[in-house]
Amino acid sequence: MFLHLGKDLVIPLKELIAIIDIESVIKSENTKNFLKVAEEEGFIYDVSEDNIKSYIITEKINKGKKSLTKVRKSVIYSSNISSKTLLKRAGFIDNIE
């Protein structure tokens, strides 16, 4: 299954690690610092068109080209879609009121 994050971007659900709403980011200094470092190191891909409502943390695991080792690549997406909507789309929550 796939999850639509906005614009024309979809990710496989198996790559999904976490969906963080913007309110959690505002309230937590640790989360702010984590996202600041991730942005400085180029791990954040902006899908939001300026109005960020959530962050989606993903990790893709690829096999190395010349060896059998696994190569992990982490990407964080910022989206203008709320965390509740993303969770519904992912099928994690069947009934949110």
PDB file of N, CA and C in Angstrom:
ATOM      1  N   MET A   1       0.833  -1.176   0.000  1.00  0.00           N
ATOM      2  CA  MET A   1       0.000   0.000   0.000  1.00  0.00           C
ATOM      3  C   MET A   1       0.884   1.248   0.000  1.00  0.00           C
ATOM      4  N   PHE A   2       0.277   2.337  -0.429  1.00  0.00           N
ATOM      5  CA  PHE A   2       0.993   3.600  -0.534  1.00  0.00           C
ATOM      6  C   PHE A   2       0.255   4.693   0.219  1.00  0.00           C
ATOM      7  N   LEU A   3       0.998   5.746   0.557  1.00  0.00           N
ATOM      8  CA  LEU A   3       0.425   6.888   1.258  1.00  0.00           C
ATOM      9  C   LEU A   3       0.712   8.152   0.460  1.00  0.00           C
ATOM     10  N   HIS A   4      -0.361   8.890   0.109  1.00  0.00           N
ATOM     11  CA  HIS A   4      -0.226  10.146  -0.629  1.00  0.00           C
ATOM     12  C   HIS A   4       0.068  11.264   0.357  1.00  0.00           C
ATOM     13  N   LEU A   5       1.207  11.969   0.175  1.00  0.00           N
ATOM     14  CA  LEU A   5       1.646  13.013   1.107  1.00  0.00           C
ATOM     15  C   LEU A   5       1.315  14.425   0.641  1.00  0.00           C
ATOM     16  N   GLY A   6       0.844  14.564  -0.581  1.00  0.00           N
ATOM     17  CA  GLY A   6       0.566  15.885  -1.127  1.00  0.00           C
ATOM     18  C   GLY A   6       1.265  16.045  -2.462  1.00  0.00           C
ATOM     19  N   LYS A   7       0.861  17.077  -3.203  1.00  0.00           N
ATOM     20  CA  LYS A   7       1.348  17.295  -4.568  1.00  0.00           C
ATOM     21  C   LYS A   7       1.221  15.986  -5.327  1.00  0.00           C
ATOM     22  N   ASP A   8       2.306  15.512  -5.890  1.00  0.00           N
ATOM     23  CA  ASP A   8       2.270  14.251  -6.634  1.00  0.00           C
ATOM     24  C   ASP A   8       3.173  13.202  -5.985  1.00  0.00           C
ATOM     25  N   LEU A   9       3.315  13.259  -4.667  1.00  0.00           N
ATOM     26  CA  LEU A   9       4.234  12.368  -3.961  1.00  0.00           C
ATOM     27  C   LEU A   9       3.492  11.296  -3.172  1.00  0.00           C
ATOM     28  N   VAL A  10       3.869  10.056  -3.409  1.00  0.00           N
ATOM     29  CA  VAL A  10       3.371   8.926  -2.632  1.00  0.00           C
ATOM     30  C   VAL A  10       4.573   8.125  -2.147  1.00  0.00           C
ATOM     31  N   ILE A  11       4.411   7.488  -0.973  1.00  0.00           N
ATOM     32  CA  ILE A  11       5.470   6.641  -0.433  1.00  0.00           C
ATOM     33  C   ILE A  11       4.881   5.276  -0.092  1.00  0.00           C
ATOM     34  N   PRO A  12       5.695   4.229  -0.159  1.00  0.00           N
ATOM     35  CA  PRO A  12       5.212   2.928   0.296  1.00  0.00           C
ATOM     36  C   PRO A  12       5.029   2.946   1.818  1.00  0.00           C
ATOM     37  N   LEU A  13       3.958   2.347   2.315  1.00  0.00           N
ATOM     38  CA  LEU A  13       3.701   2.318   3.753  1.00  0.00           C
ATOM     39  C   LEU A  13       4.809   1.612   4.522  1.00  0.00           C
ATOM     40  N   LYS A  14       5.479   0.659   3.890  1.00  0.00           N
ATOM     41  CA  LYS A  14       6.536  -0.066   4.592  1.00  0.00           C
ATOM     42  C   LYS A  14       7.735   0.836   4.927  1.00  0.00           C
ATOM     43  N   GLU A  15       7.838   2.000   4.295  1.00  0.00           N
ATOM     44  CA  GLU A  15       8.916   2.943   4.592  1.00  0.00           C
ATOM     45  C   GLU A  15       8.552   3.917   5.711  1.00  0.00           C
ATOM     46  N   LEU A  16       7.298   3.950   6.107  1.00  0.00           N
ATOM     47  CA  LEU A  16       6.811   4.909   7.093  1.00  0.00           C
ATOM     48  C   LEU A  16       7.303   4.557   8.493  1.00  0.00           C
ATOM     49  N   ILE A  17       7.898   5.535   9.173  1.00  0.00           N
ATOM     50  CA  ILE A  17       8.326   5.366  10.562  1.00  0.00           C
ATOM     51  C   ILE A  17       7.410   6.137  11.499  1.00  0.00           C
ATOM     52  N   ALA A  18       7.145   7.410  11.175  1.00  0.00           N
ATOM     53  CA  ALA A  18       6.322   8.227  12.067  1.00  0.00           C
ATOM     54  C   ALA A  18       5.661   9.365  11.311  1.00  0.00           C
ATOM     55  N   ILE A  19       4.510   9.786  11.831  1.00  0.00           N
ATOM     56  CA  ILE A  19       3.827  10.984  11.359  1.00  0.00           C
ATOM     57  C   ILE A  19       3.715  11.896  12.568  1.00  0.00           C
ATOM     58  N   ILE A  20       4.272  13.097  12.457  1.00  0.00           N
ATOM     59  CA  ILE A  20       4.306  14.038  13.574  1.00  0.00           C
ATOM     60  C   ILE A  20       3.499  15.268  13.207  1.00  0.00           C
ATOM     61  N   ASP A  21       2.522  15.622  14.045  1.00  0.00           N
ATOM     62  CA  ASP A  21       1.726  16.824  13.755  1.00  0.00           C
ATOM     63  C   ASP A  21       2.500  18.063  14.175  1.00  0.00           C
ATOM     64  N   ILE A  22       2.172  19.189  13.581  1.00  0.00           N
ATOM     65  CA  ILE A  22       2.892  20.437  13.803  1.00  0.00           C
ATOM     66  C   ILE A  22       2.771  20.921  15.245  1.00  0.00           C
ATOM     67  N   GLU A  23       1.652  20.614  15.904  1.00  0.00           N
ATOM     68  CA  GLU A  23       1.472  21.008  17.306  1.00  0.00           C
ATOM     69  C   GLU A  23       2.515  20.341  18.197  1.00  0.00           C
ATOM     70  N   SER A  24       2.840  19.086  17.913  1.00  0.00           N
ATOM     71  CA  SER A  24       3.868  18.381  18.679  1.00  0.00           C
ATOM     72  C   SER A  24       5.235  19.025  18.475  1.00  0.00           C
ATOM     73  N   VAL A  25       5.485  19.471  17.282  1.00  0.00           N
ATOM     74  CA  VAL A  25       6.752  20.140  16.974  1.00  0.00           C
ATOM     75  C   VAL A  25       6.845  21.455  17.743  1.00  0.00           C
ATOM     76  N   ILE A  26       5.763  22.212  17.765  1.00  0.00           N
ATOM     77  CA  ILE A  26       5.749  23.509  18.449  1.00  0.00           C
ATOM     78  C   ILE A  26       5.970  23.348  19.946  1.00  0.00           C
ATOM     79  N   LYS A  27       5.409  22.303  20.538  1.00  0.00           N
ATOM     80  CA  LYS A  27       5.466  22.105  21.992  1.00  0.00           C
ATOM     81  C   LYS A  27       6.764  21.470  22.480  1.00  0.00           C
ATOM     82  N   SER A  28       7.506  20.790  21.624  1.00  0.00           N
ATOM     83  CA  SER A  28       8.681  20.026  22.056  1.00  0.00           C
ATOM     84  C   SER A  28       9.979  20.618  21.521  1.00  0.00           C
ATOM     85  N   GLU A  29      10.848  21.035  22.433  1.00  0.00           N
ATOM     86  CA  GLU A  29      12.154  21.562  22.036  1.00  0.00           C
ATOM     87  C   GLU A  29      13.005  20.472  21.394  1.00  0.00           C
ATOM     88  N   ASN A  30      12.898  19.236  21.899  1.00  0.00           N
ATOM     89  CA  ASN A  30      13.675  18.136  21.330  1.00  0.00           C
ATOM     90  C   ASN A  30      13.291  17.884  19.877  1.00  0.00           C
ATOM     91  N   THR A  31      11.996  17.900  19.595  1.00  0.00           N
ATOM     92  CA  THR A  31      11.533  17.679  18.223  1.00  0.00           C
ATOM     93  C   THR A  31      11.964  18.828  17.325  1.00  0.00           C
ATOM     94  N   LYS A  32      11.876  20.063  17.832  1.00  0.00           N
ATOM     95  CA  LYS A  32      12.339  21.224  17.055  1.00  0.00           C
ATOM     96  C   LYS A  32      13.813  21.081  16.699  1.00  0.00           C
ATOM     97  N   ASN A  33      14.615  20.688  17.689  1.00  0.00           N
ATOM     98  CA  ASN A  33      16.056  20.525  17.450  1.00  0.00           C
ATOM     99  C   ASN A  33      16.336  19.399  16.459  1.00  0.00           C
ATOM    100  N   PHE A  34      15.608  18.299  16.585  1.00  0.00           N
ATOM    101  CA  PHE A  34      15.759  17.178  15.660  1.00  0.00           C
ATOM    102  C   PHE A  34      15.479  17.614  14.225  1.00  0.00           C
ATOM    103  N   LEU A  35      14.365  18.319  14.025  1.00  0.00           N
ATOM    104  CA  LEU A  35      13.999  18.763  12.678  1.00  0.00           C
ATOM    105  C   LEU A  35      14.954  19.836  12.152  1.00  0.00           C
ATOM    106  N   LYS A  36      15.476  20.668  13.045  1.00  0.00           N
ATOM    107  CA  LYS A  36      16.445  21.692  12.630  1.00  0.00           C
ATOM    108  C   LYS A  36      17.718  21.037  12.099  1.00  0.00           C
ATOM    109  N   VAL A  37      18.222  20.038  12.822  1.00  0.00           N
ATOM    110  CA  VAL A  37      19.415  19.319  12.383  1.00  0.00           C
ATOM    111  C   VAL A  37      19.136  18.571  11.081  1.00  0.00           C
ATOM    112  N   ALA A  38      17.972  17.938  10.984  1.00  0.00           N
ATOM    113  CA  ALA A  38      17.609  17.211   9.767  1.00  0.00           C
ATOM    114  C   ALA A  38      17.556  18.151   8.565  1.00  0.00           C
ATOM    115  N   GLU A  39      17.034  19.357   8.770  1.00  0.00           N
ATOM    116  CA  GLU A  39      16.964  20.330   7.677  1.00  0.00           C
ATOM    117  C   GLU A  39      18.363  20.790   7.274  1.00  0.00           C
ATOM    118  N   GLU A  40      19.215  21.045   8.268  1.00  0.00           N
ATOM    119  CA  GLU A  40      20.580  21.485   7.984  1.00  0.00           C
ATOM    120  C   GLU A  40      21.361  20.424   7.211  1.00  0.00           C
ATOM    121  N   GLU A  41      21.067  19.162   7.467  1.00  0.00           N
ATOM    122  CA  GLU A  41      21.790  18.072   6.811  1.00  0.00           C
ATOM    123  C   GLU A  41      21.111  17.600   5.526  1.00  0.00           C
ATOM    124  N   GLY A  42      20.007  18.239   5.154  1.00  0.00           N
ATOM    125  CA  GLY A  42      19.371  17.959   3.879  1.00  0.00           C
ATOM    126  C   GLY A  42      18.461  16.746   3.853  1.00  0.00           C
ATOM    127  N   PHE A  43      17.910  16.357   4.990  1.00  0.00           N
ATOM    128  CA  PHE A  43      17.030  15.197   5.047  1.00  0.00           C
ATOM    129  C   PHE A  43      15.561  15.543   4.860  1.00  0.00           C
ATOM    130  N   ILE A  44      15.213  16.830   4.855  1.00  0.00           N
ATOM    131  CA  ILE A  44      13.809  17.227   4.763  1.00  0.00           C
ATOM    132  C   ILE A  44      13.463  17.606   3.328  1.00  0.00           C
ATOM    133  N   TYR A  45      12.385  16.996   2.828  1.00  0.00           N
ATOM    134  CA  TYR A  45      11.855  17.286   1.499  1.00  0.00           C
ATOM    135  C   TYR A  45      10.502  17.960   1.689  1.00  0.00           C
ATOM    136  N   ASP A  46      10.360  19.168   1.168  1.00  0.00           N
ATOM    137  CA  ASP A  46       9.146  19.966   1.383  1.00  0.00           C
ATOM    138  C   ASP A  46       8.084  19.659   0.339  1.00  0.00           C
ATOM    139  N   VAL A  47       6.942  19.174   0.815  1.00  0.00           N
ATOM    140  CA  VAL A  47       5.797  18.888  -0.047  1.00  0.00           C
ATOM    141  C   VAL A  47       4.661  19.853   0.293  1.00  0.00           C
ATOM    142  N   SER A  48       4.888  20.748   1.252  1.00  0.00           N
ATOM    143  CA  SER A  48       3.811  21.477   1.920  1.00  0.00           C
ATOM    144  C   SER A  48       3.283  22.717   1.225  1.00  0.00           C
ATOM    145  N   GLU A  49       4.021  23.328   0.338  1.00  0.00           N
ATOM    146  CA  GLU A  49       3.612  24.606  -0.252  1.00  0.00           C
ATOM    147  C   GLU A  49       3.380  25.663   0.829  1.00  0.00           C
ATOM    148  N   ASP A  50       4.274  25.783   1.779  1.00  0.00           N
ATOM    149  CA  ASP A  50       4.337  26.819   2.816  1.00  0.00           C
ATOM    150  C   ASP A  50       3.506  26.580   4.076  1.00  0.00           C
ATOM    151  N   ASN A  51       2.448  25.817   4.037  1.00  0.00           N
ATOM    152  CA  ASN A  51       1.592  25.641   5.208  1.00  0.00           C
ATOM    153  C   ASN A  51       1.801  24.248   5.801  1.00  0.00           C
ATOM    154  N   ILE A  52       2.864  24.081   6.579  1.00  0.00           N
ATOM    155  CA  ILE A  52       3.203  22.773   7.124  1.00  0.00           C
ATOM    156  C   ILE A  52       2.232  22.392   8.235  1.00  0.00           C
ATOM    157  N   LYS A  53       1.634  21.200   8.109  1.00  0.00           N
ATOM    158  CA  LYS A  53       0.736  20.665   9.136  1.00  0.00           C
ATOM    159  C   LYS A  53       1.284  19.390   9.768  1.00  0.00           C
ATOM    160  N   SER A  54       2.219  18.728   9.077  1.00  0.00           N
ATOM    161  CA  SER A  54       2.772  17.494   9.628  1.00  0.00           C
ATOM    162  C   SER A  54       4.123  17.177   8.992  1.00  0.00           C
ATOM    163  N   TYR A  55       4.878  16.334   9.694  1.00  0.00           N
ATOM    164  CA  TYR A  55       6.141  15.808   9.201  1.00  0.00           C
ATOM    165  C   TYR A  55       6.026  14.296   9.136  1.00  0.00           C
ATOM    166  N   ILE A  56       6.556  13.696   8.088  1.00  0.00           N
ATOM    167  CA  ILE A  56       6.494  12.255   7.897  1.00  0.00           C
ATOM    168  C   ILE A  56       7.928  11.749   7.831  1.00  0.00           C
ATOM    169  N   ILE A  57       8.283  10.869   8.765  1.00  0.00           N
ATOM    170  CA  ILE A  57       9.631  10.315   8.819  1.00  0.00           C
ATOM    171  C   ILE A  57       9.605   8.947   8.143  1.00  0.00           C
ATOM    172  N   THR A  58      10.517   8.764   7.190  1.00  0.00           N
ATOM    173  CA  THR A  58      10.571   7.504   6.447  1.00  0.00           C
ATOM    174  C   THR A  58      12.001   6.961   6.430  1.00  0.00           C
ATOM    175  N   GLU A  59      12.101   5.675   6.151  1.00  0.00           N
ATOM    176  CA  GLU A  59      13.411   5.063   5.966  1.00  0.00           C
ATOM    177  C   GLU A  59      13.306   3.989   4.896  1.00  0.00           C
ATOM    178  N   LYS A  60      14.165   4.085   3.926  1.00  0.00           N
ATOM    179  CA  LYS A  60      14.205   3.122   2.829  1.00  0.00           C
ATOM    180  C   LYS A  60      15.461   2.271   2.998  1.00  0.00           C
ATOM    181  N   ILE A  61      15.308   0.977   2.831  1.00  0.00           N
ATOM    182  CA  ILE A  61      16.439   0.065   2.964  1.00  0.00           C
ATOM    183  C   ILE A  61      16.736  -0.542   1.598  1.00  0.00           C
ATOM    184  N   ASN A  62      17.948  -0.291   1.110  1.00  0.00           N
ATOM    185  CA  ASN A  62      18.400  -0.834  -0.173  1.00  0.00           C
ATOM    186  C   ASN A  62      19.584  -1.756   0.063  1.00  0.00           C
ATOM    187  N   LYS A  63      19.744  -2.723  -0.797  1.00  0.00           N
ATOM    188  CA  LYS A  63      20.941  -3.549  -0.750  1.00  0.00           C
ATOM    189  C   LYS A  63      22.059  -2.810  -1.455  1.00  0.00           C
ATOM    190  N   GLY A  64      23.268  -2.936  -0.929  1.00  0.00           N
ATOM    191  CA  GLY A  64      24.422  -2.321  -1.554  1.00  0.00           C
ATOM    192  C   GLY A  64      24.668  -2.908  -2.940  1.00  0.00           C
ATOM    193  N   LYS A  65      25.204  -2.122  -3.844  1.00  0.00           N
ATOM    194  CA  LYS A  65      25.407  -2.574  -5.219  1.00  0.00           C
ATOM    195  C   LYS A  65      26.483  -3.652  -5.333  1.00  0.00           C
ATOM    196  N   LYS A  66      27.546  -3.534  -4.545  1.00  0.00           N
ATOM    197  CA  LYS A  66      28.662  -4.465  -4.680  1.00  0.00           C
ATOM    198  C   LYS A  66      28.744  -5.471  -3.536  1.00  0.00           C
ATOM    199  N   SER A  67      27.914  -5.330  -2.551  1.00  0.00           N
ATOM    200  CA  SER A  67      27.957  -6.261  -1.427  1.00  0.00           C
ATOM    201  C   SER A  67      26.539  -6.569  -0.968  1.00  0.00           C
ATOM    202  N   LEU A  68      26.444  -7.420   0.014  1.00  0.00           N
ATOM    203  CA  LEU A  68      25.134  -7.810   0.539  1.00  0.00           C
ATOM    204  C   LEU A  68      24.693  -6.935   1.704  1.00  0.00           C
ATOM    205  N   THR A  69      25.467  -5.902   2.012  1.00  0.00           N
ATOM    206  CA  THR A  69      25.093  -5.024   3.117  1.00  0.00           C
ATOM    207  C   THR A  69      23.878  -4.188   2.760  1.00  0.00           C
ATOM    208  N   LYS A  70      23.131  -3.839   3.790  1.00  0.00           N
ATOM    209  CA  LYS A  70      21.939  -3.007   3.586  1.00  0.00           C
ATOM    210  C   LYS A  70      22.300  -1.544   3.804  1.00  0.00           C
ATOM    211  N   VAL A  71      21.791  -0.698   2.924  1.00  0.00           N
ATOM    212  CA  VAL A  71      22.027   0.742   3.005  1.00  0.00           C
ATOM    213  C   VAL A  71      20.711   1.401   3.384  1.00  0.00           C
ATOM    214  N   ARG A  72      20.717   2.140   4.484  1.00  0.00           N
ATOM    215  CA  ARG A  72      19.509   2.814   4.963  1.00  0.00           C
ATOM    216  C   ARG A  72      19.549   4.283   4.563  1.00  0.00           C
ATOM    217  N   LYS A  73      18.418   4.764   4.070  1.00  0.00           N
ATOM    218  CA  LYS A  73      18.310   6.173   3.690  1.00  0.00           C
ATOM    219  C   LYS A  73      17.068   6.748   4.357  1.00  0.00           C
ATOM    220  N   SER A  74      17.277   7.754   5.196  1.00  0.00           N
ATOM    221  CA  SER A  74      16.169   8.396   5.896  1.00  0.00           C
ATOM    222  C   SER A  74      15.796   9.692   5.198  1.00  0.00           C
ATOM    223  N   VAL A  75      14.486   9.917   5.084  1.00  0.00           N
ATOM    224  CA  VAL A  75      13.966  11.154   4.504  1.00  0.00           C
ATOM    225  C   VAL A  75      12.803  11.614   5.367  1.00  0.00           C
ATOM    226  N   ILE A  76      12.730  12.912   5.595  1.00  0.00           N
ATOM    227  CA  ILE A  76      11.613  13.504   6.325  1.00  0.00           C
ATOM    228  C   ILE A  76      10.884  14.420   5.359  1.00  0.00           C
ATOM    229  N   TYR A  77       9.593  14.226   5.250  1.00  0.00           N
ATOM    230  CA  TYR A  77       8.766  15.046   4.369  1.00  0.00           C
ATOM    231  C   TYR A  77       7.939  16.000   5.217  1.00  0.00           C
ATOM    232  N   SER A  78       7.832  17.254   4.792  1.00  0.00           N
ATOM    233  CA  SER A  78       6.891  18.186   5.417  1.00  0.00           C
ATOM    234  C   SER A  78       5.676  18.264   4.501  1.00  0.00           C
ATOM    235  N   SER A  79       4.491  18.199   5.091  1.00  0.00           N
ATOM    236  CA  SER A  79       3.272  18.144   4.290  1.00  0.00           C
ATOM    237  C   SER A  79       2.239  19.133   4.812  1.00  0.00           C
ATOM    238  N   ASN A  80       1.397  19.613   3.905  1.00  0.00           N
ATOM    239  CA  ASN A  80       0.305  20.493   4.306  1.00  0.00           C
ATOM    240  C   ASN A  80      -0.967  19.693   4.605  1.00  0.00           C
ATOM    241  N   ILE A  81      -0.846  18.384   4.677  1.00  0.00           N
ATOM    242  CA  ILE A  81      -1.965  17.522   5.041  1.00  0.00           C
ATOM    243  C   ILE A  81      -1.837  17.178   6.517  1.00  0.00           C
ATOM    244  N   SER A  82      -2.931  17.252   7.250  1.00  0.00           N
ATOM    245  CA  SER A  82      -2.885  17.014   8.694  1.00  0.00           C
ATOM    246  C   SER A  82      -2.500  15.578   9.010  1.00  0.00           C
ATOM    247  N   SER A  83      -1.954  15.380  10.200  1.00  0.00           N
ATOM    248  CA  SER A  83      -1.555  14.041  10.629  1.00  0.00           C
ATOM    249  C   SER A  83      -2.757  13.110  10.724  1.00  0.00           C
ATOM    250  N   LYS A  84      -3.909  13.618  11.143  1.00  0.00           N
ATOM    251  CA  LYS A  84      -5.115  12.782  11.215  1.00  0.00           C
ATOM    252  C   LYS A  84      -5.533  12.287   9.840  1.00  0.00           C
ATOM    253  N   THR A  85      -5.481  13.163   8.850  1.00  0.00           N
ATOM    254  CA  THR A  85      -5.839  12.761   7.484  1.00  0.00           C
ATOM    255  C   THR A  85      -4.849  11.742   6.944  1.00  0.00           C
ATOM    256  N   LEU A  86      -3.563  11.960   7.202  1.00  0.00           N
ATOM    257  CA  LEU A  86      -2.553  11.006   6.747  1.00  0.00           C
ATOM    258  C   LEU A  86      -2.751   9.643   7.412  1.00  0.00           C
ATOM    259  N   LEU A  87      -3.065   9.650   8.701  1.00  0.00           N
ATOM    260  CA  LEU A  87      -3.314   8.386   9.403  1.00  0.00           C
ATOM    261  C   LEU A  87      -4.528   7.666   8.837  1.00  0.00           C
ATOM    262  N   LYS A  88      -5.574   8.419   8.514  1.00  0.00           N
ATOM    263  CA  LYS A  88      -6.754   7.812   7.887  1.00  0.00           C
ATOM    264  C   LYS A  88      -6.390   7.203   6.537  1.00  0.00           C
ATOM    265  N   ARG A  89      -5.620   7.954   5.746  1.00  0.00           N
ATOM    266  CA  ARG A  89      -5.213   7.458   4.428  1.00  0.00           C
ATOM    267  C   ARG A  89      -4.369   6.190   4.542  1.00  0.00           C
ATOM    268  N   ALA A  90      -3.565   6.144   5.583  1.00  0.00           N
ATOM    269  CA  ALA A  90      -2.695   4.981   5.778  1.00  0.00           C
ATOM    270  C   ALA A  90      -3.469   3.783   6.291  1.00  0.00           C
ATOM    271  N   GLY A  91      -4.675   4.028   6.783  1.00  0.00           N
ATOM    272  CA  GLY A  91      -5.493   2.921   7.278  1.00  0.00           C
ATOM    273  C   GLY A  91      -5.196   2.533   8.709  1.00  0.00           C
ATOM    274  N   PHE A  92      -4.425   3.354   9.432  1.00  0.00           N
ATOM    275  CA  PHE A  92      -4.102   3.045  10.820  1.00  0.00           C
ATOM    276  C   PHE A  92      -5.275   3.295  11.752  1.00  0.00           C
ATOM    277  N   ILE A  93      -6.085   4.279  11.403  1.00  0.00           N
ATOM    278  CA  ILE A  93      -7.226   4.619  12.255  1.00  0.00           C
ATOM    279  C   ILE A  93      -8.474   4.535  11.406  1.00  0.00           C
ATOM    280  N   ASP A  94      -9.393   3.702  11.822  1.00  0.00           N
ATOM    281  CA  ASP A  94     -10.603   3.517  11.044  1.00  0.00           C
ATOM    282  C   ASP A  94     -11.674   4.537  11.367  1.00  0.00           C
ATOM    283  N   ASN A  95     -11.681   5.048  12.602  1.00  0.00           N
ATOM    284  CA  ASN A  95     -12.761   5.950  12.998  1.00  0.00           C
ATOM    285  C   ASN A  95     -12.220   7.060  13.887  1.00  0.00           C
ATOM    286  N   ILE A  96     -11.959   8.231  13.302  1.00  0.00           N
ATOM    287  CA  ILE A  96     -11.550   9.404  14.064  1.00  0.00           C
ATOM    288  C   ILE A  96     -12.720  10.358  14.106  1.00  0.00           C
ATOM    289  N   GLU A  97     -13.076  10.781  15.291  1.00  0.00           N
ATOM    290  CA  GLU A  97     -14.195  11.711  15.425  1.00  0.00           C
ATOM    291  C   GLU A  97     -13.715  13.105  15.696  1.00  0.00           C
TER     292      GLU A  97
END
